[in-house]
Amino acid sequence: MQRLMRRTLQRSLKQEELWNGNRENFRTSFFSQDSILLWMLRTYNQRRKKYPLLFQKPEHAHLLVIHLQSPQLTQQWLSGF
């Protein structure tokens, strides 16, 4: 959540282009029903429960799932390539 908040604030204040000319604005990002922050708060727990169950299904048995729980662990894992 902290990273999402920081990225959203930065993109809103700097008016960084996301894609095809789209830009986040402060009002939409923080004070609207379309806010990505609000979406995160509403869906996080649901998705956190859903994905481990999906990966246990037989049709996904061929997938190697790597659960990286921090930016440091992600960097360590990427350094191994």
N, C-alpha and C. Protein backbone atom coordinates (compact mmCIF):
# COMPACT_ATOMS: atom_id res chain seq x y z
N MET A 1 0.83 -1.20 0.00
CA MET A 1 0.00 0.00 0.00
C MET A 1 0.87 1.26 0.00
N GLN A 2 1.96 1.19 0.76
CA GLN A 2 2.86 2.34 0.83
C GLN A 2 3.45 2.67 -0.55
N ARG A 3 3.85 1.65 -1.28
CA ARG A 3 4.43 1.89 -2.61
C ARG A 3 3.37 2.44 -3.57
N LEU A 4 2.17 1.90 -3.49
CA LEU A 4 1.09 2.41 -4.34
C LEU A 4 0.80 3.87 -4.03
N MET A 5 0.73 4.19 -2.76
CA MET A 5 0.47 5.58 -2.34
C MET A 5 1.57 6.51 -2.86
N ARG A 6 2.81 6.10 -2.70
CA ARG A 6 3.94 6.93 -3.13
C ARG A 6 3.94 7.13 -4.65
N ARG A 7 3.74 6.03 -5.40
CA ARG A 7 3.72 6.14 -6.87
C ARG A 7 2.56 7.00 -7.35
N THR A 8 1.40 6.81 -6.75
CA THR A 8 0.22 7.56 -7.17
C THR A 8 0.40 9.05 -6.88
N LEU A 9 0.91 9.37 -5.72
CA LEU A 9 1.15 10.77 -5.37
C LEU A 9 2.17 11.39 -6.33
N GLN A 10 3.24 10.68 -6.59
CA GLN A 10 4.28 11.20 -7.50
C GLN A 10 3.72 11.42 -8.90
N ARG A 11 2.99 10.44 -9.41
CA ARG A 11 2.43 10.57 -10.76
C ARG A 11 1.40 11.68 -10.85
N SER A 12 0.63 11.85 -9.79
CA SER A 12 -0.39 12.91 -9.78
C SER A 12 0.25 14.30 -9.75
N LEU A 13 1.24 14.47 -8.91
CA LEU A 13 1.87 15.78 -8.78
C LEU A 13 2.72 16.15 -10.00
N LYS A 14 3.42 15.17 -10.56
CA LYS A 14 4.30 15.44 -11.71
C LYS A 14 3.58 15.31 -13.05
N GLN A 15 2.32 14.86 -13.00
CA GLN A 15 1.54 14.65 -14.23
C GLN A 15 2.30 13.75 -15.21
N GLU A 16 2.90 12.67 -14.70
CA GLU A 16 3.63 11.73 -15.55
C GLU A 16 2.66 11.00 -16.46
N GLU A 17 3.09 10.80 -17.69
CA GLU A 17 2.27 10.05 -18.63
C GLU A 17 2.38 8.57 -18.30
N LEU A 18 1.24 7.89 -18.23
CA LEU A 18 1.22 6.46 -17.95
C LEU A 18 1.29 5.68 -19.25
N TRP A 19 0.37 5.92 -20.17
CA TRP A 19 0.35 5.32 -21.49
C TRP A 19 -0.64 6.09 -22.35
N ASN A 20 -0.38 6.14 -23.61
CA ASN A 20 -1.28 6.79 -24.58
C ASN A 20 -1.77 8.16 -24.13
N GLY A 21 -0.94 8.91 -23.44
CA GLY A 21 -1.31 10.25 -23.00
C GLY A 21 -2.11 10.30 -21.71
N ASN A 22 -2.42 9.14 -21.13
CA ASN A 22 -3.17 9.11 -19.87
C ASN A 22 -2.30 9.58 -18.71
N ARG A 23 -2.91 10.35 -17.85
CA ARG A 23 -2.20 10.87 -16.68
C ARG A 23 -3.11 10.75 -15.46
N GLU A 24 -2.50 10.47 -14.32
CA GLU A 24 -3.26 10.46 -13.07
C GLU A 24 -3.38 11.89 -12.59
N ASN A 25 -4.56 12.25 -12.08
CA ASN A 25 -4.65 13.56 -11.46
C ASN A 25 -4.99 13.38 -9.98
N PHE A 26 -4.67 14.36 -9.20
CA PHE A 26 -4.77 14.27 -7.75
C PHE A 26 -6.20 13.97 -7.31
N ARG A 27 -7.16 14.68 -7.86
CA ARG A 27 -8.56 14.52 -7.45
C ARG A 27 -9.06 13.10 -7.71
N THR A 28 -8.82 12.60 -8.91
CA THR A 28 -9.28 11.26 -9.26
C THR A 28 -8.54 10.19 -8.45
N SER A 29 -7.26 10.40 -8.26
CA SER A 29 -6.44 9.40 -7.57
C SER A 29 -6.80 9.26 -6.09
N PHE A 30 -7.21 10.35 -5.48
CA PHE A 30 -7.41 10.32 -4.03
C PHE A 30 -8.86 10.53 -3.58
N PHE A 31 -9.70 11.15 -4.40
CA PHE A 31 -11.02 11.55 -3.92
C PHE A 31 -12.18 11.12 -4.81
N SER A 32 -12.01 10.05 -5.56
CA SER A 32 -13.12 9.63 -6.42
C SER A 32 -13.38 8.13 -6.24
N GLN A 33 -14.51 7.69 -6.75
CA GLN A 33 -14.84 6.27 -6.71
C GLN A 33 -13.94 5.47 -7.65
N ASP A 34 -13.26 6.14 -8.58
CA ASP A 34 -12.36 5.49 -9.52
C ASP A 34 -10.91 5.45 -9.02
N SER A 35 -10.70 5.80 -7.79
CA SER A 35 -9.37 5.86 -7.22
C SER A 35 -8.72 4.48 -7.18
N ILE A 36 -7.48 4.40 -7.63
CA ILE A 36 -6.75 3.14 -7.56
C ILE A 36 -6.49 2.75 -6.10
N LEU A 37 -6.35 3.75 -5.26
CA LEU A 37 -6.14 3.47 -3.83
C LEU A 37 -7.39 2.85 -3.21
N LEU A 38 -8.54 3.36 -3.56
CA LEU A 38 -9.79 2.80 -3.07
C LEU A 38 -9.99 1.39 -3.60
N TRP A 39 -9.68 1.18 -4.88
CA TRP A 39 -9.76 -0.15 -5.46
C TRP A 39 -8.87 -1.13 -4.70
N MET A 40 -7.67 -0.71 -4.39
CA MET A 40 -6.73 -1.56 -3.64
C MET A 40 -7.32 -1.94 -2.28
N LEU A 41 -7.84 -0.97 -1.58
CA LEU A 41 -8.42 -1.24 -0.26
C LEU A 41 -9.62 -2.19 -0.35
N ARG A 42 -10.40 -2.04 -1.39
CA ARG A 42 -11.60 -2.88 -1.55
C ARG A 42 -11.29 -4.31 -1.98
N THR A 43 -10.24 -4.52 -2.74
CA THR A 43 -10.01 -5.83 -3.35
C THR A 43 -8.82 -6.60 -2.79
N TYR A 44 -7.98 -6.00 -2.00
CA TYR A 44 -6.73 -6.63 -1.57
C TYR A 44 -6.97 -7.97 -0.86
N ASN A 45 -7.79 -7.97 0.17
CA ASN A 45 -8.01 -9.21 0.94
C ASN A 45 -8.63 -10.31 0.08
N GLN A 46 -9.54 -9.94 -0.78
CA GLN A 46 -10.19 -10.91 -1.66
C GLN A 46 -9.15 -11.55 -2.60
N ARG A 47 -8.32 -10.72 -3.21
CA ARG A 47 -7.31 -11.25 -4.13
C ARG A 47 -6.23 -12.03 -3.39
N ARG A 48 -5.90 -11.62 -2.20
CA ARG A 48 -4.89 -12.32 -1.41
C ARG A 48 -5.32 -13.74 -1.09
N LYS A 49 -6.62 -13.95 -0.90
CA LYS A 49 -7.15 -15.29 -0.64
C LYS A 49 -7.35 -16.09 -1.93
N LYS A 50 -7.72 -15.39 -3.00
CA LYS A 50 -8.10 -16.03 -4.25
C LYS A 50 -6.92 -16.67 -4.98
N TYR A 51 -5.83 -15.96 -5.12
CA TYR A 51 -4.73 -16.43 -5.96
C TYR A 51 -4.06 -17.70 -5.45
N PRO A 52 -3.78 -17.86 -4.16
CA PRO A 52 -3.21 -19.14 -3.72
C PRO A 52 -4.12 -20.33 -4.05
N LEU A 53 -5.42 -20.14 -3.93
CA LEU A 53 -6.36 -21.22 -4.26
C LEU A 53 -6.34 -21.54 -5.75
N LEU A 54 -6.23 -20.51 -6.58
CA LEU A 54 -6.15 -20.73 -8.03
C LEU A 54 -4.90 -21.53 -8.39
N PHE A 55 -3.78 -21.21 -7.78
CA PHE A 55 -2.53 -21.88 -8.12
C PHE A 55 -2.50 -23.33 -7.66
N GLN A 56 -3.39 -23.73 -6.77
CA GLN A 56 -3.46 -25.11 -6.31
C GLN A 56 -4.29 -26.00 -7.24
N LYS A 57 -4.99 -25.41 -8.17
CA LYS A 57 -5.83 -26.18 -9.09
C LYS A 57 -4.96 -27.02 -10.03
N PRO A 58 -5.44 -28.20 -10.40
CA PRO A 58 -4.66 -29.10 -11.27
C PRO A 58 -4.24 -28.46 -12.60
N GLU A 59 -5.09 -27.62 -13.16
CA GLU A 59 -4.74 -27.02 -14.46
C GLU A 59 -3.57 -26.04 -14.37
N HIS A 60 -3.20 -25.68 -13.15
CA HIS A 60 -2.05 -24.78 -12.95
C HIS A 60 -0.85 -25.50 -12.36
N ALA A 61 -0.90 -26.82 -12.27
CA ALA A 61 0.17 -27.60 -11.65
C ALA A 61 1.51 -27.42 -12.37
N HIS A 62 1.49 -27.09 -13.64
CA HIS A 62 2.72 -26.92 -14.41
C HIS A 62 3.43 -25.59 -14.12
N LEU A 63 2.76 -24.70 -13.42
CA LEU A 63 3.34 -23.37 -13.14
C LEU A 63 4.26 -23.40 -11.93
N LEU A 64 5.33 -22.70 -12.03
CA LEU A 64 6.21 -22.49 -10.89
C LEU A 64 5.86 -21.13 -10.30
N VAL A 65 5.32 -21.13 -9.11
CA VAL A 65 4.89 -19.89 -8.46
C VAL A 65 5.95 -19.49 -7.44
N ILE A 66 6.43 -18.30 -7.57
CA ILE A 66 7.43 -17.76 -6.65
C ILE A 66 6.80 -16.57 -5.96
N HIS A 67 6.68 -16.66 -4.66
CA HIS A 67 6.04 -15.60 -3.87
C HIS A 67 7.14 -14.75 -3.23
N LEU A 68 7.36 -13.59 -3.79
CA LEU A 68 8.37 -12.66 -3.28
C LEU A 68 7.67 -11.64 -2.40
N GLN A 69 8.07 -11.55 -1.15
CA GLN A 69 7.32 -10.77 -0.17
C GLN A 69 7.92 -9.41 0.15
N SER A 70 8.99 -9.03 -0.54
CA SER A 70 9.57 -7.71 -0.29
C SER A 70 10.40 -7.30 -1.50
N PRO A 71 10.64 -6.00 -1.65
CA PRO A 71 11.52 -5.56 -2.74
C PRO A 71 12.93 -6.15 -2.62
N GLN A 72 13.40 -6.34 -1.40
CA GLN A 72 14.74 -6.91 -1.20
C GLN A 72 14.79 -8.36 -1.68
N LEU A 73 13.78 -9.15 -1.33
CA LEU A 73 13.74 -10.54 -1.80
C LEU A 73 13.61 -10.59 -3.31
N THR A 74 12.87 -9.68 -3.88
CA THR A 74 12.73 -9.63 -5.33
C THR A 74 14.07 -9.34 -5.98
N GLN A 75 14.79 -8.37 -5.45
CA GLN A 75 16.11 -8.04 -5.99
C GLN A 75 17.08 -9.21 -5.87
N GLN A 76 17.05 -9.89 -4.74
CA GLN A 76 17.92 -11.06 -4.56
C GLN A 76 17.58 -12.14 -5.59
N TRP A 77 16.31 -12.37 -5.80
CA TRP A 77 15.88 -13.39 -6.75
C TRP A 77 16.31 -13.00 -8.16
N LEU A 78 16.11 -11.73 -8.53
CA LEU A 78 16.51 -11.27 -9.85
C LEU A 78 18.02 -11.32 -10.05
N SER A 79 18.77 -11.12 -9.01
CA SER A 79 20.24 -11.15 -9.10
C SER A 79 20.76 -12.54 -9.45
N GLY A 80 19.94 -13.54 -9.22
CA GLY A 80 20.34 -14.90 -9.52
C GLY A 80 20.30 -15.25 -10.99
N PHE A 81 19.85 -14.34 -11.84
CA PHE A 81 19.78 -14.61 -13.28
C PHE A 81 20.95 -14.06 -14.01
